[in-house]
């Protein structure tokens, strides 16, 4: 299978249009099963070290579970506010959409008991593989005009307990998924001036012979 330059341009456009969506953007519209399947199929297409495929996806619609995760967030966010107390902008940020999004998806890393090809020196490669799956989900969702928000201000241990995850499982991402009223033209944090965008030349180093 080969692709055209137009395909490459479209893929780059989707990548650049990806946004981290907050709760004030989600609308009351159910995500169709077919489109959820597209998003999950994209996740399964991600590369994984030693073909280990160490991911698991927990689809959460249950209100009680959402409430428990939201309480977890509120507690952790109180601590984060103290850390960023010198930055007034932090208190104005909407940093999750746990209840507003019709779907929450917990993306887990389930390590294998046996040794994995490619992980004998760098154990974290298994977790990085799951992150690749998250990126695939995010891009597929954006191509379907569905928003995803990644909530990271959580106590991992308590989330795993709430989900009754297997021993040694790790929480890689907690995602809020749903249709939105709009996608910002730029990153919300960039618009608000939380930080500046790095330029290409700042991120690339060449070692030439």
Protein backbone atom coordinates (compact mmCIF):
# COMPACT_ATOMS: atom_id res chain seq x y z
CA UNK A 1 0.00 0.00 0.00
CA UNK A 2 1.32 3.40 -0.95
CA UNK A 3 0.05 6.89 -0.12
CA UNK A 4 0.00 10.21 -1.94
CA UNK A 5 1.36 13.57 -0.92
CA UNK A 6 -2.24 14.64 -0.33
CA UNK A 7 -2.61 11.81 2.18
CA UNK A 8 0.51 13.05 3.98
CA UNK A 9 -0.78 16.61 4.05
CA UNK A 10 -4.15 15.48 5.41
CA UNK A 11 -2.48 13.40 8.13
CA UNK A 12 -0.37 16.38 9.20
CA UNK A 13 -3.50 18.56 9.25
CA UNK A 14 -5.22 16.09 11.59
CA UNK A 15 -2.15 16.01 13.84
CA UNK A 16 -2.02 19.80 14.01
CA UNK A 17 -5.77 20.02 14.67
CA UNK A 18 -5.65 17.62 17.65
CA UNK A 19 -6.67 19.30 20.90
CA UNK A 20 -6.84 18.40 24.59
CA UNK A 21 -10.55 18.95 25.27
CA UNK A 22 -11.90 20.24 28.59
CA UNK A 23 -15.32 19.68 30.14
CA UNK A 24 -16.68 23.05 29.05
CA UNK A 25 -16.50 21.93 25.41
CA UNK A 26 -18.30 18.56 25.50
CA UNK A 27 -21.91 18.40 24.33
CA UNK A 28 -24.72 15.98 25.17
CA UNK A 29 -24.36 13.64 22.20
CA UNK A 30 -23.66 9.93 22.37
CA UNK A 31 -20.58 8.54 20.65
CA UNK A 32 -21.74 5.92 18.15
CA UNK A 33 -20.52 2.36 18.68
CA UNK A 34 -19.09 2.30 15.15
CA UNK A 35 -16.95 5.37 15.82
CA UNK A 36 -15.83 4.08 19.20
CA UNK A 37 -14.75 0.91 17.41
CA UNK A 38 -12.70 3.02 14.96
CA UNK A 39 -10.94 4.72 17.88
CA UNK A 40 -10.18 1.41 19.60
CA UNK A 41 -9.03 -0.21 16.35
CA UNK A 42 -6.63 2.70 15.92
CA UNK A 43 -5.29 1.99 19.41
CA UNK A 44 -4.70 -1.66 18.55
CA UNK A 45 -2.75 -0.58 15.47
CA UNK A 46 -0.08 1.11 17.60
CA UNK A 47 3.45 -0.29 17.70
CA UNK A 48 4.41 -2.22 20.83
CA UNK A 49 7.78 -3.40 22.06
CA UNK A 50 8.34 -7.09 21.30
CA UNK A 51 4.79 -7.24 19.89
CA UNK A 52 3.70 -7.38 23.54
CA UNK A 53 0.48 -5.37 23.06
CA UNK A 54 0.40 -4.61 26.80
CA UNK A 55 -2.67 -2.38 26.72
CA UNK A 56 -6.16 -2.64 28.16
CA UNK A 57 -9.02 -0.19 27.66
CA UNK A 58 -11.77 0.25 30.26
CA UNK A 59 -14.83 2.01 28.82
CA UNK A 60 -16.63 3.93 31.56
CA UNK A 61 -20.19 5.22 31.27
CA UNK A 62 -21.27 4.44 34.84
CA UNK A 63 -22.13 7.61 36.79
CA UNK A 64 -20.95 6.22 40.13
CA UNK A 65 -17.52 5.41 38.75
CA UNK A 66 -17.28 8.84 37.14
CA UNK A 67 -18.18 10.48 40.45
CA UNK A 68 -15.48 8.53 42.26
CA UNK A 69 -12.86 9.55 39.68
CA UNK A 70 -14.02 13.18 39.88
CA UNK A 71 -13.61 13.17 43.68
CA UNK A 72 -10.12 11.78 43.13
CA UNK A 73 -9.39 14.64 40.72
CA UNK A 74 -10.78 17.32 43.05
CA UNK A 75 -8.59 16.14 45.91
CA UNK A 76 -5.44 16.02 43.78
CA UNK A 77 -6.25 19.33 42.11
CA UNK A 78 -6.44 21.03 45.51
CA UNK A 79 -2.83 20.02 46.04
CA UNK A 80 -1.89 21.18 42.54
CA UNK A 81 -3.42 24.61 43.17
CA UNK A 82 -1.03 25.05 46.09
CA UNK A 83 1.92 24.14 43.85
CA UNK A 84 0.86 26.70 41.21
CA UNK A 85 -0.41 29.35 43.65
CA UNK A 86 1.93 31.95 42.13
CA UNK A 87 0.22 31.54 38.77
CA UNK A 88 -3.29 33.01 39.00
CA UNK A 89 -4.26 31.50 35.67
CA UNK A 90 -4.27 27.99 37.14
CA UNK A 91 -7.43 28.59 39.17
CA UNK A 92 -9.26 29.69 36.03
CA UNK A 93 -8.44 26.55 34.04
CA UNK A 94 -11.02 23.81 33.46
CA UNK A 95 -8.77 20.76 33.60
CA UNK A 96 -11.15 17.81 33.19
CA UNK A 97 -14.43 16.71 31.64
CA UNK A 98 -15.09 13.55 33.62
CA UNK A 99 -18.84 14.04 34.08
CA UNK A 100 -19.48 16.12 30.98
CA UNK A 101 -18.01 13.61 28.51
CA UNK A 102 -20.35 10.74 27.61
CA UNK A 103 -17.44 8.29 27.72
CA UNK A 104 -14.40 7.94 29.92
CA UNK A 105 -11.69 5.51 28.86
CA UNK A 106 -9.00 4.33 31.26
CA UNK A 107 -5.97 3.15 29.31
CA UNK A 108 -3.98 0.62 31.30
CA UNK A 109 -0.60 -1.07 31.03
CA UNK A 110 -0.70 -4.76 31.93
CA UNK A 111 2.86 -6.12 32.04
CA UNK A 112 3.64 -9.66 30.96
CA UNK A 113 5.01 -12.11 33.51
CA UNK A 114 7.70 -13.38 31.12
CA UNK A 115 10.59 -11.39 29.66
CA UNK A 116 9.66 -9.23 26.66
CA UNK A 117 11.82 -8.73 23.59
CA UNK A 118 13.18 -5.18 23.66
CA UNK A 119 12.51 -4.60 27.36
CA UNK A 120 15.55 -6.32 28.89
CA UNK A 121 17.43 -3.00 29.15
CA UNK A 122 14.62 -0.40 29.13
CA UNK A 123 11.70 -1.66 31.19
CA UNK A 124 9.62 1.45 30.54
CA UNK A 125 9.30 0.58 26.83
CA UNK A 126 6.11 -1.33 27.61
CA UNK A 127 4.51 1.79 29.04
CA UNK A 128 5.73 3.84 26.09
CA UNK A 129 3.97 1.37 23.80
CA UNK A 130 0.67 2.12 25.51
CA UNK A 131 1.30 5.85 25.06
CA UNK A 132 1.58 5.19 21.31
CA UNK A 133 -1.88 3.62 21.46
CA UNK A 134 -3.22 6.74 23.20
CA UNK A 135 -1.83 8.96 20.46
CA UNK A 136 -3.48 6.78 17.81
CA UNK A 137 -6.81 7.07 19.64
CA UNK A 138 -6.46 10.84 19.85
CA UNK A 139 -5.75 11.27 16.14
CA UNK A 140 -8.50 8.89 15.03
CA UNK A 141 -10.99 10.64 17.31
CA UNK A 142 -10.03 14.02 15.84
CA UNK A 143 -10.49 12.69 12.30
CA UNK A 144 -14.03 11.70 13.40
CA UNK A 145 -14.60 15.18 14.89
CA UNK A 146 -14.69 13.66 18.38
CA UNK A 147 -12.81 15.29 21.23
CA UNK A 148 -10.50 13.68 23.79
CA UNK A 149 -9.22 15.18 27.02
CA UNK A 150 -6.39 13.53 28.99
CA UNK A 151 -6.84 13.86 32.77
CA UNK A 152 -3.55 13.41 34.60
CA UNK A 153 -4.27 15.10 37.95
CA UNK A 154 -5.29 11.82 39.58
CA UNK A 155 -4.08 9.45 42.26
CA UNK A 156 -3.15 6.45 40.12
CA UNK A 157 -3.46 3.90 42.91
CA UNK A 158 -7.02 4.98 43.78
CA UNK A 159 -8.10 4.92 40.12
CA UNK A 160 -6.80 1.37 39.74
CA UNK A 161 -8.61 0.33 42.92
CA UNK A 162 -11.85 1.85 41.63
CA UNK A 163 -11.46 -0.08 38.38
CA UNK A 164 -10.51 -3.29 40.20
CA UNK A 165 -7.45 -3.58 38.00
CA UNK A 166 -5.14 -6.57 38.15
CA UNK A 167 -2.04 -6.48 40.33
CA UNK A 168 0.97 -4.67 38.78
CA UNK A 169 -1.28 -2.82 36.33
CA UNK A 170 -0.40 0.83 35.69
CA UNK A 171 -2.68 3.69 34.69
CA UNK A 172 -1.24 5.33 31.58
CA UNK A 173 -4.10 7.64 30.63
CA UNK A 174 -7.57 8.61 31.79
CA UNK A 175 -9.41 9.98 28.77
CA UNK A 176 -12.66 11.94 28.47
CA UNK A 177 -14.25 11.26 25.09
CA UNK A 178 -17.16 12.88 23.27
CA UNK A 179 -18.45 15.35 20.72
CA UNK A 180 -17.66 19.02 21.33
CA UNK A 181 -19.17 22.37 20.46
CA UNK A 182 -15.89 23.50 18.92
CA UNK A 183 -12.20 22.72 18.55
CA UNK A 184 -9.89 25.62 19.30
CA UNK A 185 -7.68 26.76 16.41
CA UNK A 186 -4.68 26.60 18.75
CA UNK A 187 -3.86 24.81 21.98
CA UNK A 188 -5.93 26.33 24.79
CA UNK A 189 -2.88 26.72 27.01
CA UNK A 190 -1.05 28.44 24.16
CA UNK A 191 -3.98 30.83 23.67
CA UNK A 192 -4.06 31.62 27.39
CA UNK A 193 -0.31 32.18 27.50
CA UNK A 194 0.56 29.36 29.90
CA UNK A 195 3.72 28.69 27.90
CA UNK A 196 5.17 29.46 24.50
CA UNK A 197 5.33 27.10 21.54
CA UNK A 198 8.76 25.68 20.79
CA UNK A 199 10.15 26.18 17.30
CA UNK A 200 11.46 23.30 15.22
CA UNK A 201 15.09 24.41 15.43
CA UNK A 202 14.89 24.28 19.25
CA UNK A 203 13.93 20.60 19.24
CA UNK A 204 16.22 19.14 16.58
CA UNK A 205 19.92 18.33 16.84
CA UNK A 206 22.04 16.94 13.99
CA UNK A 207 25.13 14.80 14.51
CA UNK A 208 26.84 14.82 11.13
CA UNK A 209 29.85 12.82 10.11
